[in-house]
Amino acid sequence: MKHIRRIPHQARFLGVLAIAMLGLVVSAPAAFAMRVRGSSSAIPTGPSPTFTHTVVASGVPGWQIAVIVAAAAVLAATIAVVVDRARAAHRTGMVPAT
């Protein structure tokens, strides 16, 4: 009987592992991408330097970031309470405190 109860745990573990591998596979092409100079030689000498540009003139205002953080915190707390109540509802045989 103990082996049957372990099957959902193993299924969750394999599901999380599969999703993590899918994320790695999807992000791998972007991680290994590089610009190669277009020259007449068949062997490239190396990647060309890339330049990053930061957004200075505009962006997300601070109050919008605060609203997003507050909404995420409320959502996380709500999910935690719902999960806790669902787990408490499935418990059987409460032991009285001594």
N, C-alpha and C. Protein backbone atom coordinates (compact mmCIF):
# COMPACT_ATOMS: atom_id res chain seq x y z
N MET A 1 0.80 -1.19 0.00
CA MET A 1 0.00 0.00 0.00
C MET A 1 0.85 1.26 0.00
N LYS A 2 2.01 1.20 0.65
CA LYS A 2 2.86 2.37 0.70
C LYS A 2 3.39 2.75 -0.67
N HIS A 3 3.58 1.74 -1.52
CA HIS A 3 4.09 2.03 -2.87
C HIS A 3 3.05 2.76 -3.70
N ILE A 4 1.78 2.44 -3.51
CA ILE A 4 0.72 3.10 -4.27
C ILE A 4 0.65 4.58 -3.89
N ARG A 5 0.86 4.90 -2.63
CA ARG A 5 0.78 6.30 -2.19
C ARG A 5 1.94 7.13 -2.71
N ARG A 6 3.02 6.49 -3.09
CA ARG A 6 4.19 7.22 -3.58
C ARG A 6 4.08 7.56 -5.06
N ILE A 7 3.16 6.95 -5.78
CA ILE A 7 3.03 7.19 -7.22
C ILE A 7 2.70 8.65 -7.53
N PRO A 8 1.74 9.30 -6.83
CA PRO A 8 1.49 10.72 -7.14
C PRO A 8 2.70 11.61 -6.90
N HIS A 9 3.50 11.30 -5.88
CA HIS A 9 4.70 12.09 -5.62
C HIS A 9 5.69 11.95 -6.76
N GLN A 10 5.85 10.73 -7.25
CA GLN A 10 6.76 10.51 -8.36
C GLN A 10 6.24 11.16 -9.64
N ALA A 11 4.92 11.14 -9.83
CA ALA A 11 4.34 11.77 -11.01
C ALA A 11 4.54 13.28 -10.98
N ARG A 12 4.38 13.88 -9.79
CA ARG A 12 4.63 15.32 -9.67
C ARG A 12 6.09 15.65 -9.94
N PHE A 13 6.98 14.83 -9.40
CA PHE A 13 8.41 15.06 -9.62
C PHE A 13 8.74 14.98 -11.10
N LEU A 14 8.22 13.97 -11.78
CA LEU A 14 8.50 13.83 -13.22
C LEU A 14 7.88 14.97 -14.02
N GLY A 15 6.71 15.45 -13.59
CA GLY A 15 6.09 16.58 -14.27
C GLY A 15 6.91 17.85 -14.13
N VAL A 16 7.38 18.11 -12.92
CA VAL A 16 8.22 19.30 -12.68
C VAL A 16 9.53 19.18 -13.46
N LEU A 17 10.11 17.99 -13.48
CA LEU A 17 11.34 17.77 -14.22
C LEU A 17 11.13 17.98 -15.72
N ALA A 18 10.00 17.50 -16.25
CA ALA A 18 9.71 17.68 -17.67
C ALA A 18 9.52 19.16 -18.01
N ILE A 19 8.84 19.90 -17.16
CA ILE A 19 8.63 21.33 -17.41
C ILE A 19 9.95 22.08 -17.34
N ALA A 20 10.80 21.71 -16.39
CA ALA A 20 12.11 22.37 -16.29
C ALA A 20 12.96 22.09 -17.53
N MET A 21 12.93 20.86 -18.01
CA MET A 21 13.68 20.52 -19.22
C MET A 21 13.11 21.27 -20.43
N LEU A 22 11.80 21.39 -20.50
CA LEU A 22 11.19 22.14 -21.60
C LEU A 22 11.62 23.60 -21.57
N GLY A 23 11.68 24.18 -20.39
CA GLY A 23 12.15 25.56 -20.27
C GLY A 23 13.59 25.72 -20.71
N LEU A 24 14.43 24.75 -20.36
CA LEU A 24 15.83 24.80 -20.79
C LEU A 24 15.95 24.66 -22.31
N VAL A 25 15.17 23.77 -22.88
CA VAL A 25 15.23 23.56 -24.33
C VAL A 25 14.75 24.80 -25.08
N VAL A 26 13.72 25.45 -24.56
CA VAL A 26 13.18 26.63 -25.24
C VAL A 26 14.15 27.81 -25.13
N SER A 27 14.82 27.96 -23.99
CA SER A 27 15.70 29.10 -23.82
C SER A 27 17.12 28.86 -24.32
N ALA A 28 17.49 27.65 -24.62
CA ALA A 28 18.86 27.35 -25.04
C ALA A 28 19.26 28.04 -26.35
N PRO A 29 18.41 28.06 -27.39
CA PRO A 29 18.84 28.74 -28.62
C PRO A 29 19.17 30.21 -28.41
N ALA A 30 18.41 30.90 -27.56
CA ALA A 30 18.69 32.31 -27.32
C ALA A 30 19.97 32.48 -26.50
N ALA A 31 20.25 31.54 -25.63
CA ALA A 31 21.42 31.66 -24.77
C ALA A 31 22.72 31.46 -25.57
N PHE A 32 22.68 30.62 -26.57
CA PHE A 32 23.88 30.33 -27.34
C PHE A 32 23.97 31.12 -28.64
N ALA A 33 23.06 32.05 -28.86
CA ALA A 33 23.08 32.84 -30.08
C ALA A 33 24.23 33.84 -30.04
N MET A 34 24.85 34.05 -31.19
CA MET A 34 25.91 35.06 -31.28
C MET A 34 25.94 35.59 -32.71
N ARG A 35 26.39 36.81 -32.82
CA ARG A 35 26.50 37.43 -34.14
C ARG A 35 27.87 37.11 -34.72
N VAL A 36 27.85 36.71 -35.96
CA VAL A 36 29.10 36.40 -36.65
C VAL A 36 29.25 37.40 -37.78
N ARG A 37 30.45 37.94 -37.93
CA ARG A 37 30.70 38.91 -38.99
C ARG A 37 30.56 38.24 -40.36
N GLY A 38 29.94 38.97 -41.24
CA GLY A 38 29.81 38.46 -42.60
C GLY A 38 31.06 38.82 -43.41
N SER A 39 31.99 37.89 -43.52
CA SER A 39 33.22 38.14 -44.26
C SER A 39 33.38 37.09 -45.35
N SER A 40 34.37 37.28 -46.16
CA SER A 40 34.60 36.34 -47.26
C SER A 40 35.28 35.06 -46.80
N SER A 41 35.89 35.07 -45.62
CA SER A 41 36.56 33.86 -45.14
C SER A 41 35.53 32.85 -44.65
N ALA A 42 35.86 31.59 -44.78
CA ALA A 42 34.94 30.52 -44.38
C ALA A 42 34.91 30.35 -42.86
N ILE A 43 36.00 30.66 -42.19
CA ILE A 43 36.07 30.48 -40.74
C ILE A 43 35.93 31.85 -40.08
N PRO A 44 34.90 32.04 -39.28
CA PRO A 44 34.77 33.34 -38.60
C PRO A 44 35.82 33.47 -37.50
N THR A 45 36.31 34.69 -37.31
CA THR A 45 37.34 34.92 -36.32
C THR A 45 36.79 34.99 -34.90
N GLY A 46 35.53 35.28 -34.75
CA GLY A 46 34.92 35.37 -33.43
C GLY A 46 33.67 36.21 -33.48
N PRO A 47 32.95 36.24 -32.40
CA PRO A 47 31.70 37.01 -32.41
C PRO A 47 31.98 38.51 -32.37
N SER A 48 31.12 39.24 -33.02
CA SER A 48 31.25 40.69 -33.00
C SER A 48 30.67 41.21 -31.69
N PRO A 49 31.18 42.31 -31.21
CA PRO A 49 30.65 42.84 -29.94
C PRO A 49 29.22 43.34 -30.13
N THR A 50 28.42 43.11 -29.13
CA THR A 50 27.04 43.59 -29.17
C THR A 50 26.92 44.79 -28.24
N PHE A 51 26.04 45.68 -28.58
CA PHE A 51 25.84 46.89 -27.80
C PHE A 51 24.44 46.87 -27.20
N THR A 52 24.35 47.13 -25.93
CA THR A 52 23.05 47.18 -25.27
C THR A 52 22.66 48.63 -25.06
N HIS A 53 21.40 48.91 -25.22
CA HIS A 53 20.87 50.25 -25.03
C HIS A 53 19.88 50.21 -23.88
N THR A 54 20.08 51.04 -22.91
CA THR A 54 19.16 51.09 -21.79
C THR A 54 18.06 52.11 -22.05
N VAL A 55 16.93 51.87 -21.44
CA VAL A 55 15.81 52.80 -21.58
C VAL A 55 15.97 53.87 -20.51
N VAL A 56 16.24 55.07 -20.93
CA VAL A 56 16.45 56.17 -19.99
C VAL A 56 15.27 57.14 -20.03
N ALA A 57 14.72 57.35 -21.19
CA ALA A 57 13.69 58.36 -21.35
C ALA A 57 12.35 57.92 -20.78
N SER A 58 12.06 56.63 -20.83
CA SER A 58 10.76 56.17 -20.34
C SER A 58 10.93 54.84 -19.65
N GLY A 59 9.87 54.38 -19.06
CA GLY A 59 9.89 53.11 -18.33
C GLY A 59 8.63 52.98 -17.51
N VAL A 60 8.63 52.03 -16.62
CA VAL A 60 7.47 51.83 -15.77
C VAL A 60 7.60 52.74 -14.55
N PRO A 61 6.58 53.56 -14.29
CA PRO A 61 6.64 54.43 -13.11
C PRO A 61 6.65 53.61 -11.82
N GLY A 62 7.17 54.22 -10.77
CA GLY A 62 7.30 53.53 -9.50
C GLY A 62 5.98 53.09 -8.91
N TRP A 63 4.91 53.87 -9.09
CA TRP A 63 3.63 53.49 -8.51
C TRP A 63 3.07 52.26 -9.19
N GLN A 64 3.35 52.08 -10.49
CA GLN A 64 2.88 50.88 -11.17
C GLN A 64 3.63 49.64 -10.67
N ILE A 65 4.91 49.79 -10.41
CA ILE A 65 5.68 48.68 -9.86
C ILE A 65 5.14 48.31 -8.48
N ALA A 66 4.81 49.32 -7.67
CA ALA A 66 4.27 49.05 -6.34
C ALA A 66 2.92 48.33 -6.42
N VAL A 67 2.09 48.71 -7.38
CA VAL A 67 0.79 48.05 -7.54
C VAL A 67 0.98 46.60 -7.98
N ILE A 68 1.91 46.36 -8.88
CA ILE A 68 2.17 45.00 -9.35
C ILE A 68 2.68 44.13 -8.20
N VAL A 69 3.58 44.66 -7.39
CA VAL A 69 4.12 43.91 -6.25
C VAL A 69 3.03 43.63 -5.23
N ALA A 70 2.19 44.61 -4.94
CA ALA A 70 1.11 44.41 -3.98
C ALA A 70 0.11 43.38 -4.48
N ALA A 71 -0.22 43.43 -5.76
CA ALA A 71 -1.16 42.45 -6.32
C ALA A 71 -0.57 41.04 -6.28
N ALA A 72 0.72 40.92 -6.56
CA ALA A 72 1.36 39.61 -6.51
C ALA A 72 1.37 39.07 -5.08
N ALA A 73 1.60 39.95 -4.10
CA ALA A 73 1.60 39.51 -2.70
C ALA A 73 0.21 39.06 -2.26
N VAL A 74 -0.82 39.80 -2.65
CA VAL A 74 -2.19 39.42 -2.30
C VAL A 74 -2.56 38.11 -2.97
N LEU A 75 -2.18 37.94 -4.21
CA LEU A 75 -2.47 36.70 -4.93
C LEU A 75 -1.76 35.51 -4.28
N ALA A 76 -0.51 35.68 -3.91
CA ALA A 76 0.24 34.60 -3.27
C ALA A 76 -0.38 34.24 -1.91
N ALA A 77 -0.79 35.24 -1.14
CA ALA A 77 -1.42 34.97 0.15
C ALA A 77 -2.75 34.25 -0.02
N THR A 78 -3.53 34.66 -1.01
CA THR A 78 -4.81 34.01 -1.27
C THR A 78 -4.62 32.55 -1.66
N ILE A 79 -3.67 32.29 -2.53
CA ILE A 79 -3.39 30.91 -2.94
C ILE A 79 -2.93 30.09 -1.74
N ALA A 80 -2.09 30.65 -0.88
CA ALA A 80 -1.62 29.93 0.29
C ALA A 80 -2.77 29.58 1.23
N VAL A 81 -3.70 30.50 1.43
CA VAL A 81 -4.83 30.24 2.32
C VAL A 81 -5.74 29.17 1.72
N VAL A 82 -6.01 29.24 0.43
CA VAL A 82 -6.87 28.25 -0.22
C VAL A 82 -6.24 26.87 -0.15
N VAL A 83 -4.95 26.76 -0.41
CA VAL A 83 -4.28 25.47 -0.35
C VAL A 83 -4.27 24.94 1.08
N ASP A 84 -4.04 25.79 2.06
CA ASP A 84 -4.03 25.35 3.45
C ASP A 84 -5.40 24.85 3.87
N ARG A 85 -6.44 25.54 3.49
CA ARG A 85 -7.79 25.09 3.84
C ARG A 85 -8.16 23.80 3.12
N ALA A 86 -7.71 23.64 1.89
CA ALA A 86 -7.99 22.40 1.17
C ALA A 86 -7.26 21.23 1.82
N ARG A 87 -6.03 21.45 2.25
CA ARG A 87 -5.28 20.38 2.92
C ARG A 87 -5.90 20.05 4.26
N ALA A 88 -6.38 21.07 4.99
CA ALA A 88 -7.00 20.84 6.29
C ALA A 88 -8.32 20.09 6.14
N ALA A 89 -9.04 20.30 5.05
CA ALA A 89 -10.31 19.62 4.83
C ALA A 89 -10.11 18.14 4.54
N HIS A 90 -8.97 17.77 4.01
CA HIS A 90 -8.71 16.37 3.67
C HIS A 90 -8.10 15.58 4.82
N ARG A 91 -7.72 16.24 5.90
CA ARG A 91 -7.15 15.55 7.04
C ARG A 91 -8.22 14.72 7.74
N THR A 92 -7.82 13.56 8.23
CA THR A 92 -8.74 12.73 8.98
C THR A 92 -8.11 12.37 10.32
N GLY A 93 -8.94 12.18 11.30
CA GLY A 93 -8.47 11.72 12.60
C GLY A 93 -7.62 12.74 13.32
N MET A 94 -8.19 13.84 13.72
CA MET A 94 -7.45 14.85 14.47
C MET A 94 -7.08 14.32 15.85
N VAL A 95 -5.87 14.56 16.27
CA VAL A 95 -5.39 14.12 17.58
C VAL A 95 -5.55 15.30 18.54
N PRO A 96 -6.20 15.09 19.70
CA PRO A 96 -6.36 16.21 20.64
C PRO A 96 -5.02 16.59 21.28
N ALA A 97 -4.86 17.85 21.55
CA ALA A 97 -3.65 18.33 22.19
C ALA A 97 -3.66 17.96 23.66
N THR A 98 -2.51 17.62 24.21
CA THR A 98 -2.47 17.22 25.62
C THR A 98 -1.90 18.33 26.47
